[in-house]
Amino acid sequence: MNEYLLSIGMGLCVLVFLILYRVVFGPGVFNRMVALSAIGTKTLIILLIIGFLYNRVDMFVDISMVYALLNLIGTLAASKYLETQGENY
C-alpha cells in the first residue's frame, strides 16, 4: 500500500510542476490564479497522502484544512483585488 500511495504522490508532484508552467507562462492573470488554486488543491492531497504514509492522518488532516482555508482566502482576496483593478494586469 505504501508503494501505491508513494507513486500517486509522485504523480501529483509531476502534475504540480506541469501546472507551474501555466503559472509562469500563462496567457493572463486569471488563468494564472486558477493554476495557483489548482496547485493548492493538489498540495492538499499530497499532504493527506503523506499523513497516510506516516500513519498520522489526524495531524495532517488538520494541517491540510488550515492550508485549504488559506488557499481559499488567498484566491478570494486576489480575485477581489483583480476585479477592482480590471483587465489592466
PDB file of N, CA and C in Angstrom:
ATOM      1  N   MET A   1       0.818  -1.198   0.000  1.00  0.00           N
ATOM      2  CA  MET A   1       0.000   0.000   0.000  1.00  0.00           C
ATOM      3  C   MET A   1       0.862   1.261   0.000  1.00  0.00           C
ATOM      4  N   ASN A   2       1.988   1.208   0.722  1.00  0.00           N
ATOM      5  CA  ASN A   2       2.850   2.390   0.773  1.00  0.00           C
ATOM      6  C   ASN A   2       3.430   2.720  -0.598  1.00  0.00           C
ATOM      7  N   GLU A   3       3.770   1.692  -1.378  1.00  0.00           N
ATOM      8  CA  GLU A   3       4.314   1.945  -2.709  1.00  0.00           C
ATOM      9  C   GLU A   3       3.265   2.583  -3.609  1.00  0.00           C
ATOM     10  N   TYR A   4       2.015   2.145  -3.462  1.00  0.00           N
ATOM     11  CA  TYR A   4       0.925   2.712  -4.253  1.00  0.00           C
ATOM     12  C   TYR A   4       0.714   4.186  -3.909  1.00  0.00           C
ATOM     13  N   LEU A   5       0.664   4.500  -2.614  1.00  0.00           N
ATOM     14  CA  LEU A   5       0.480   5.888  -2.199  1.00  0.00           C
ATOM     15  C   LEU A   5       1.667   6.753  -2.604  1.00  0.00           C
ATOM     16  N   LEU A   6       2.860   6.170  -2.520  1.00  0.00           N
ATOM     17  CA  LEU A   6       4.053   6.916  -2.913  1.00  0.00           C
ATOM     18  C   LEU A   6       4.046   7.221  -4.411  1.00  0.00           C
ATOM     19  N   SER A   7       3.589   6.264  -5.217  1.00  0.00           N
ATOM     20  CA  SER A   7       3.529   6.514  -6.659  1.00  0.00           C
ATOM     21  C   SER A   7       2.461   7.551  -7.002  1.00  0.00           C
ATOM     22  N   ILE A   8       1.345   7.528  -6.285  1.00  0.00           N
ATOM     23  CA  ILE A   8       0.323   8.553  -6.500  1.00  0.00           C
ATOM     24  C   ILE A   8       0.862   9.931  -6.105  1.00  0.00           C
ATOM     25  N   GLY A   9       1.562  10.004  -4.991  1.00  0.00           N
ATOM     26  CA  GLY A   9       2.149  11.270  -4.554  1.00  0.00           C
ATOM     27  C   GLY A   9       3.173  11.807  -5.541  1.00  0.00           C
ATOM     28  N   MET A  10       3.988  10.922  -6.088  1.00  0.00           N
ATOM     29  CA  MET A  10       4.978  11.366  -7.073  1.00  0.00           C
ATOM     30  C   MET A  10       4.292  11.825  -8.359  1.00  0.00           C
ATOM     31  N   GLY A  11       3.223  11.143  -8.750  1.00  0.00           N
ATOM     32  CA  GLY A  11       2.464  11.580  -9.918  1.00  0.00           C
ATOM     33  C   GLY A  11       1.854  12.951  -9.714  1.00  0.00           C
ATOM     34  N   LEU A  12       1.341  13.190  -8.511  1.00  0.00           N
ATOM     35  CA  LEU A  12       0.778  14.510  -8.225  1.00  0.00           C
ATOM     36  C   LEU A  12       1.853  15.587  -8.212  1.00  0.00           C
ATOM     37  N   CYS A  13       3.049  15.247  -7.761  1.00  0.00           N
ATOM     38  CA  CYS A  13       4.145  16.218  -7.789  1.00  0.00           C
ATOM     39  C   CYS A  13       4.506  16.585  -9.228  1.00  0.00           C
ATOM     40  N   VAL A  14       4.480  15.600 -10.119  1.00  0.00           N
ATOM     41  CA  VAL A  14       4.733  15.877 -11.533  1.00  0.00           C
ATOM     42  C   VAL A  14       3.646  16.796 -12.083  1.00  0.00           C
ATOM     43  N   LEU A  15       2.388  16.540 -11.715  1.00  0.00           N
ATOM     44  CA  LEU A  15       1.293  17.401 -12.167  1.00  0.00           C
ATOM     45  C   LEU A  15       1.435  18.826 -11.638  1.00  0.00           C
ATOM     46  N   VAL A  16       1.927  18.961 -10.410  1.00  0.00           N
ATOM     47  CA  VAL A  16       2.137  20.301  -9.849  1.00  0.00           C
ATOM     48  C   VAL A  16       3.164  21.061 -10.680  1.00  0.00           C
ATOM     49  N   PHE A  17       4.225  20.375 -11.103  1.00  0.00           N
ATOM     50  CA  PHE A  17       5.229  21.057 -11.919  1.00  0.00           C
ATOM     51  C   PHE A  17       4.694  21.396 -13.304  1.00  0.00           C
ATOM     52  N   LEU A  18       3.803  20.568 -13.843  1.00  0.00           N
ATOM     53  CA  LEU A  18       3.183  20.909 -15.125  1.00  0.00           C
ATOM     54  C   LEU A  18       2.269  22.127 -14.994  1.00  0.00           C
ATOM     55  N   ILE A  19       1.547  22.208 -13.896  1.00  0.00           N
ATOM     56  CA  ILE A  19       0.679  23.366 -13.673  1.00  0.00           C
ATOM     57  C   ILE A  19       1.515  24.613 -13.386  1.00  0.00           C
ATOM     58  N   LEU A  20       2.680  24.421 -12.791  1.00  0.00           N
ATOM     59  CA  LEU A  20       3.567  25.555 -12.530  1.00  0.00           C
ATOM     60  C   LEU A  20       3.986  26.234 -13.827  1.00  0.00           C
ATOM     61  N   TYR A  21       4.070  25.471 -14.910  1.00  0.00           N
ATOM     62  CA  TYR A  21       4.345  26.062 -16.226  1.00  0.00           C
ATOM     63  C   TYR A  21       3.246  27.056 -16.595  1.00  0.00           C
ATOM     64  N   ARG A  22       1.986  26.697 -16.305  1.00  0.00           N
ATOM     65  CA  ARG A  22       0.861  27.589 -16.610  1.00  0.00           C
ATOM     66  C   ARG A  22       0.925  28.847 -15.748  1.00  0.00           C
ATOM     67  N   VAL A  23       1.410  28.711 -14.517  1.00  0.00           N
ATOM     68  CA  VAL A  23       1.524  29.884 -13.642  1.00  0.00           C
ATOM     69  C   VAL A  23       2.563  30.855 -14.193  1.00  0.00           C
ATOM     70  N   VAL A  24       3.665  30.323 -14.669  1.00  0.00           N
ATOM     71  CA  VAL A  24       4.746  31.193 -15.133  1.00  0.00           C
ATOM     72  C   VAL A  24       4.448  31.765 -16.520  1.00  0.00           C
ATOM     73  N   PHE A  25       3.964  30.929 -17.445  1.00  0.00           N
ATOM     74  CA  PHE A  25       3.781  31.354 -18.828  1.00  0.00           C
ATOM     75  C   PHE A  25       2.312  31.421 -19.226  1.00  0.00           C
ATOM     76  N   GLY A  26       1.429  31.688 -18.278  1.00  0.00           N
ATOM     77  CA  GLY A  26       0.000  31.730 -18.579  1.00  0.00           C
ATOM     78  C   GLY A  26      -0.362  32.871 -19.488  1.00  0.00           C
ATOM     79  N   PRO A  27      -1.473  32.726 -20.221  1.00  0.00           N
ATOM     80  CA  PRO A  27      -1.867  33.798 -21.131  1.00  0.00           C
ATOM     81  C   PRO A  27      -2.432  35.029 -20.419  1.00  0.00           C
ATOM     82  N   GLY A  28      -2.920  34.872 -19.214  1.00  0.00           N
ATOM     83  CA  GLY A  28      -3.473  36.012 -18.498  1.00  0.00           C
ATOM     84  C   GLY A  28      -3.396  35.804 -16.996  1.00  0.00           C
ATOM     85  N   VAL A  29      -3.730  36.843 -16.277  1.00  0.00           N
ATOM     86  CA  VAL A  29      -3.649  36.788 -14.819  1.00  0.00           C
ATOM     87  C   VAL A  29      -4.681  35.833 -14.247  1.00  0.00           C
ATOM     88  N   PHE A  30      -5.867  35.803 -14.818  1.00  0.00           N
ATOM     89  CA  PHE A  30      -6.912  34.945 -14.273  1.00  0.00           C
ATOM     90  C   PHE A  30      -6.575  33.471 -14.481  1.00  0.00           C
ATOM     91  N   ASN A  31      -5.956  33.141 -15.612  1.00  0.00           N
ATOM     92  CA  ASN A  31      -5.509  31.767 -15.816  1.00  0.00           C
ATOM     93  C   ASN A  31      -4.416  31.393 -14.830  1.00  0.00           C
ATOM     94  N   ARG A  32      -3.566  32.329 -14.511  1.00  0.00           N
ATOM     95  CA  ARG A  32      -2.512  32.073 -13.535  1.00  0.00           C
ATOM     96  C   ARG A  32      -3.093  31.866 -12.139  1.00  0.00           C
ATOM     97  N   MET A  33      -4.136  32.614 -11.806  1.00  0.00           N
ATOM     98  CA  MET A  33      -4.773  32.443 -10.491  1.00  0.00           C
ATOM     99  C   MET A  33      -5.433  31.075 -10.377  1.00  0.00           C
ATOM    100  N   VAL A  34      -6.085  30.637 -11.432  1.00  0.00           N
ATOM    101  CA  VAL A  34      -6.711  29.316 -11.417  1.00  0.00           C
ATOM    102  C   VAL A  34      -5.644  28.235 -11.286  1.00  0.00           C
ATOM    103  N   ALA A  35      -4.517  28.415 -11.943  1.00  0.00           N
ATOM    104  CA  ALA A  35      -3.432  27.446 -11.839  1.00  0.00           C
ATOM    105  C   ALA A  35      -2.864  27.412 -10.428  1.00  0.00           C
ATOM    106  N   LEU A  36      -2.737  28.565  -9.790  1.00  0.00           N
ATOM    107  CA  LEU A  36      -2.268  28.589  -8.398  1.00  0.00           C
ATOM    108  C   LEU A  36      -3.253  27.905  -7.467  1.00  0.00           C
ATOM    109  N   SER A  37      -4.518  28.077  -7.713  1.00  0.00           N
ATOM    110  CA  SER A  37      -5.525  27.397  -6.905  1.00  0.00           C
ATOM    111  C   SER A  37      -5.459  25.890  -7.114  1.00  0.00           C
ATOM    112  N   ALA A  38      -5.214  25.463  -8.334  1.00  0.00           N
ATOM    113  CA  ALA A  38      -5.082  24.026  -8.612  1.00  0.00           C
ATOM    114  C   ALA A  38      -3.846  23.447  -7.934  1.00  0.00           C
ATOM    115  N   ILE A  39      -2.769  24.206  -7.889  1.00  0.00           N
ATOM    116  CA  ILE A  39      -1.575  23.750  -7.175  1.00  0.00           C
ATOM    117  C   ILE A  39      -1.875  23.597  -5.688  1.00  0.00           C
ATOM    118  N   GLY A  40      -2.633  24.533  -5.130  1.00  0.00           N
ATOM    119  CA  GLY A  40      -3.012  24.434  -3.727  1.00  0.00           C
ATOM    120  C   GLY A  40      -3.858  23.206  -3.443  1.00  0.00           C
ATOM    121  N   THR A  41      -4.768  22.873  -4.356  1.00  0.00           N
ATOM    122  CA  THR A  41      -5.611  21.703  -4.177  1.00  0.00           C
ATOM    123  C   THR A  41      -4.792  20.419  -4.248  1.00  0.00           C
ATOM    124  N   LYS A  42      -3.875  20.358  -5.181  1.00  0.00           N
ATOM    125  CA  LYS A  42      -3.031  19.171  -5.292  1.00  0.00           C
ATOM    126  C   LYS A  42      -2.089  19.051  -4.096  1.00  0.00           C
ATOM    127  N   THR A  43      -1.674  20.161  -3.541  1.00  0.00           N
ATOM    128  CA  THR A  43      -0.842  20.130  -2.347  1.00  0.00           C
ATOM    129  C   THR A  43      -1.612  19.564  -1.159  1.00  0.00           C
ATOM    130  N   LEU A  44      -2.897  19.867  -1.076  1.00  0.00           N
ATOM    131  CA  LEU A  44      -3.724  19.281  -0.018  1.00  0.00           C
ATOM    132  C   LEU A  44      -3.736  17.766  -0.100  1.00  0.00           C
ATOM    133  N   ILE A  45      -3.909  17.257  -1.306  1.00  0.00           N
ATOM    134  CA  ILE A  45      -3.951  15.807  -1.482  1.00  0.00           C
ATOM    135  C   ILE A  45      -2.593  15.194  -1.166  1.00  0.00           C
ATOM    136  N   ILE A  46      -1.522  15.856  -1.558  1.00  0.00           N
ATOM    137  CA  ILE A  46      -0.183  15.357  -1.243  1.00  0.00           C
ATOM    138  C   ILE A  46       0.030  15.328   0.263  1.00  0.00           C
ATOM    139  N   LEU A  47      -0.443  16.338   0.983  1.00  0.00           N
ATOM    140  CA  LEU A  47      -0.330  16.336   2.444  1.00  0.00           C
ATOM    141  C   LEU A  47      -1.086  15.170   3.068  1.00  0.00           C
ATOM    142  N   LEU A  48      -2.259  14.866   2.559  1.00  0.00           N
ATOM    143  CA  LEU A  48      -3.015  13.744   3.092  1.00  0.00           C
ATOM    144  C   LEU A  48      -2.337  12.414   2.791  1.00  0.00           C
ATOM    145  N   ILE A  49      -1.732  12.292   1.623  1.00  0.00           N
ATOM    146  CA  ILE A  49      -1.000  11.070   1.304  1.00  0.00           C
ATOM    147  C   ILE A  49       0.199  10.907   2.234  1.00  0.00           C
ATOM    148  N   ILE A  50       0.882  11.996   2.528  1.00  0.00           N
ATOM    149  CA  ILE A  50       1.998  11.940   3.479  1.00  0.00           C
ATOM    150  C   ILE A  50       1.495  11.491   4.850  1.00  0.00           C
ATOM    151  N   GLY A  51       0.318  11.970   5.238  1.00  0.00           N
ATOM    152  CA  GLY A  51      -0.268  11.546   6.507  1.00  0.00           C
ATOM    153  C   GLY A  51      -0.536  10.057   6.536  1.00  0.00           C
ATOM    154  N   PHE A  52      -1.035   9.504   5.440  1.00  0.00           N
ATOM    155  CA  PHE A  52      -1.254   8.062   5.374  1.00  0.00           C
ATOM    156  C   PHE A  52       0.061   7.301   5.429  1.00  0.00           C
ATOM    157  N   LEU A  53       1.100   7.825   4.784  1.00  0.00           N
ATOM    158  CA  LEU A  53       2.387   7.136   4.776  1.00  0.00           C
ATOM    159  C   LEU A  53       3.027   7.105   6.153  1.00  0.00           C
ATOM    160  N   TYR A  54       2.858   8.176   6.932  1.00  0.00           N
ATOM    161  CA  TYR A  54       3.444   8.240   8.273  1.00  0.00           C
ATOM    162  C   TYR A  54       2.497   7.777   9.373  1.00  0.00           C
ATOM    163  N   ASN A  55       1.314   7.296   8.997  1.00  0.00           N
ATOM    164  CA  ASN A  55       0.294   6.848   9.963  1.00  0.00           C
ATOM    165  C   ASN A  55      -0.088   7.935  10.960  1.00  0.00           C
ATOM    166  N   ARG A  56      -0.110   9.160  10.516  1.00  0.00           N
ATOM    167  CA  ARG A  56      -0.522  10.314  11.330  1.00  0.00           C
ATOM    168  C   ARG A  56      -1.557  11.127  10.560  1.00  0.00           C
ATOM    169  N   VAL A  57      -2.619  10.466  10.138  1.00  0.00           N
ATOM    170  CA  VAL A  57      -3.626  11.119   9.309  1.00  0.00           C
ATOM    171  C   VAL A  57      -4.292  12.257  10.061  1.00  0.00           C
ATOM    172  N   ASP A  58      -4.523  12.082  11.358  1.00  0.00           N
ATOM    173  CA  ASP A  58      -5.216  13.110  12.130  1.00  0.00           C
ATOM    174  C   ASP A  58      -4.465  14.432  12.135  1.00  0.00           C
ATOM    175  N   MET A  59      -3.150  14.381  12.272  1.00  0.00           N
ATOM    176  CA  MET A  59      -2.357  15.608  12.288  1.00  0.00           C
ATOM    177  C   MET A  59      -2.342  16.261  10.904  1.00  0.00           C
ATOM    178  N   PHE A  60      -2.180  15.452   9.860  1.00  0.00           N
ATOM    179  CA  PHE A  60      -2.089  16.005   8.515  1.00  0.00           C
ATOM    180  C   PHE A  60      -3.436  16.485   7.999  1.00  0.00           C
ATOM    181  N   VAL A  61      -4.541  15.939   8.501  1.00  0.00           N
ATOM    182  CA  VAL A  61      -5.859  16.463   8.131  1.00  0.00           C
ATOM    183  C   VAL A  61      -6.017  17.877   8.682  1.00  0.00           C
ATOM    184  N   ASP A  62      -5.570  18.092   9.913  1.00  0.00           N
ATOM    185  CA  ASP A  62      -5.639  19.443  10.483  1.00  0.00           C
ATOM    186  C   ASP A  62      -4.788  20.430   9.691  1.00  0.00           C
ATOM    187  N   ILE A  63      -3.585  20.004   9.332  1.00  0.00           N
ATOM    188  CA  ILE A  63      -2.702  20.874   8.554  1.00  0.00           C
ATOM    189  C   ILE A  63      -3.306  21.174   7.190  1.00  0.00           C
ATOM    190  N   SER A  64      -3.876  20.159   6.555  1.00  0.00           N
ATOM    191  CA  SER A  64      -4.439  20.375   5.223  1.00  0.00           C
ATOM    192  C   SER A  64      -5.694  21.240   5.267  1.00  0.00           C
ATOM    193  N   MET A  65      -6.468  21.161   6.345  1.00  0.00           N
ATOM    194  CA  MET A  65      -7.647  22.029   6.469  1.00  0.00           C
ATOM    195  C   MET A  65      -7.234  23.493   6.600  1.00  0.00           C
ATOM    196  N   VAL A  66      -6.201  23.752   7.373  1.00  0.00           N
ATOM    197  CA  VAL A  66      -5.707  25.126   7.508  1.00  0.00           C
ATOM    198  C   VAL A  66      -5.151  25.610   6.171  1.00  0.00           C
ATOM    199  N   TYR A  67      -4.445  24.732   5.475  1.00  0.00           N
ATOM    200  CA  TYR A  67      -3.896  25.103   4.167  1.00  0.00           C
ATOM    201  C   TYR A  67      -5.012  25.370   3.168  1.00  0.00           C
ATOM    202  N   ALA A  68      -6.075  24.588   3.220  1.00  0.00           N
ATOM    203  CA  ALA A  68      -7.210  24.805   2.316  1.00  0.00           C
ATOM    204  C   ALA A  68      -7.883  26.141   2.602  1.00  0.00           C
ATOM    205  N   LEU A  69      -8.012  26.474   3.873  1.00  0.00           N
ATOM    206  CA  LEU A  69      -8.614  27.753   4.236  1.00  0.00           C
ATOM    207  C   LEU A  69      -7.751  28.919   3.764  1.00  0.00           C
ATOM    208  N   LEU A  70      -6.441  28.808   3.940  1.00  0.00           N
ATOM    209  CA  LEU A  70      -5.546  29.862   3.457  1.00  0.00           C
ATOM    210  C   LEU A  70      -5.570  29.967   1.938  1.00  0.00           C
ATOM    211  N   ASN A  71      -5.663  28.832   1.263  1.00  0.00           N
ATOM    212  CA  ASN A  71      -5.754  28.838  -0.197  1.00  0.00           C
ATOM    213  C   ASN A  71      -7.034  29.530  -0.651  1.00  0.00           C
ATOM    214  N   LEU A  72      -8.143  29.243   0.003  1.00  0.00           N
ATOM    215  CA  LEU A  72      -9.416  29.870  -0.347  1.00  0.00           C
ATOM    216  C   LEU A  72      -9.381  31.375  -0.096  1.00  0.00           C
ATOM    217  N   ILE A  73      -8.890  31.780   1.047  1.00  0.00           N
ATOM    218  CA  ILE A  73      -8.836  33.204   1.377  1.00  0.00           C
ATOM    219  C   ILE A  73      -7.904  33.948   0.419  1.00  0.00           C
ATOM    220  N   GLY A  74      -6.768  33.337   0.097  1.00  0.00           N
ATOM    221  CA  GLY A  74      -5.835  33.973  -0.835  1.00  0.00           C
ATOM    222  C   GLY A  74      -6.416  34.119  -2.228  1.00  0.00           C
ATOM    223  N   THR A  75      -7.115  33.092  -2.686  1.00  0.00           N
ATOM    224  CA  THR A  75      -7.733  33.161  -4.012  1.00  0.00           C
ATOM    225  C   THR A  75      -8.837  34.197  -4.049  1.00  0.00           C
ATOM    226  N   LEU A  76      -9.657  34.237  -3.014  1.00  0.00           N
ATOM    227  CA  LEU A  76     -10.725  35.239  -2.971  1.00  0.00           C
ATOM    228  C   LEU A  76     -10.182  36.656  -2.883  1.00  0.00           C
ATOM    229  N   ALA A  77      -9.132  36.861  -2.092  1.00  0.00           N
ATOM    230  CA  ALA A  77      -8.547  38.192  -1.969  1.00  0.00           C
ATOM    231  C   ALA A  77      -7.927  38.641  -3.285  1.00  0.00           C
ATOM    232  N   ALA A  78      -7.217  37.740  -3.951  1.00  0.00           N
ATOM    233  CA  ALA A  78      -6.597  38.101  -5.232  1.00  0.00           C
ATOM    234  C   ALA A  78      -7.655  38.370  -6.290  1.00  0.00           C
ATOM    235  N   SER A  79      -8.712  37.577  -6.318  1.00  0.00           N
ATOM    236  CA  SER A  79      -9.755  37.809  -7.324  1.00  0.00           C
ATOM    237  C   SER A  79     -10.518  39.098  -7.053  1.00  0.00           C
ATOM    238  N   LYS A  80     -10.733  39.420  -5.787  1.00  0.00           N
ATOM    239  CA  LYS A  80     -11.407  40.675  -5.455  1.00  0.00           C
ATOM    240  C   LYS A  80     -10.525  41.867  -5.842  1.00  0.00           C
ATOM    241  N   TYR A  81      -9.232  41.752  -5.598  1.00  0.00           N
ATOM    242  CA  TYR A  81      -8.309  42.813  -5.973  1.00  0.00           C
ATOM    243  C   TYR A  81      -8.273  43.001  -7.490  1.00  0.00           C
ATOM    244  N   LEU A  82      -8.208  41.898  -8.221  1.00  0.00           N
ATOM    245  CA  LEU A  82      -8.153  42.000  -9.672  1.00  0.00           C
ATOM    246  C   LEU A  82      -9.479  42.445 -10.257  1.00  0.00           C
ATOM    247  N   GLU A  83     -10.576  42.165  -9.576  1.00  0.00           N
ATOM    248  CA  GLU A  83     -11.880  42.623 -10.046  1.00  0.00           C
ATOM    249  C   GLU A  83     -11.971  44.141  -9.962  1.00  0.00           C
ATOM    250  N   THR A  84     -11.418  44.725  -8.910  1.00  0.00           N
ATOM    251  CA  THR A  84     -11.470  46.174  -8.783  1.00  0.00           C
ATOM    252  C   THR A  84     -10.459  46.867  -9.707  1.00  0.00           C
ATOM    253  N   GLN A  85      -9.362  46.187 -10.056  1.00  0.00           N
ATOM    254  CA  GLN A  85      -8.356  46.792 -10.910  1.00  0.00           C
ATOM    255  C   GLN A  85      -8.697  46.658 -12.400  1.00  0.00           C
ATOM    256  N   GLY A  86      -9.510  45.671 -12.740  1.00  0.00           N
ATOM    257  CA  GLY A  86      -9.878  45.481 -14.147  1.00  0.00           C
ATOM    258  C   GLY A  86      -8.898  44.592 -14.865  1.00  0.00           C
ATOM    259  N   GLU A  87      -8.912  44.666 -16.161  1.00  0.00           N
ATOM    260  CA  GLU A  87      -8.086  43.812 -17.022  1.00  0.00           C
ATOM    261  C   GLU A  87      -6.698  44.418 -17.283  1.00  0.00           C
ATOM    262  N   ASN A  88      -6.295  45.403 -16.525  1.00  0.00           N
ATOM    263  CA  ASN A  88      -5.016  46.056 -16.767  1.00  0.00           C
ATOM    264  C   ASN A  88      -3.833  45.167 -16.427  1.00  0.00           C
ATOM    265  N   TYR A  89      -4.062  44.136 -15.592  1.00  0.00           N
ATOM    266  CA  TYR A  89      -2.936  43.296 -15.169  1.00  0.00           C
ATOM    267  C   TYR A  89      -2.845  42.084 -15.974  1.00  0.00           C
TER     268      TYR A  89
END
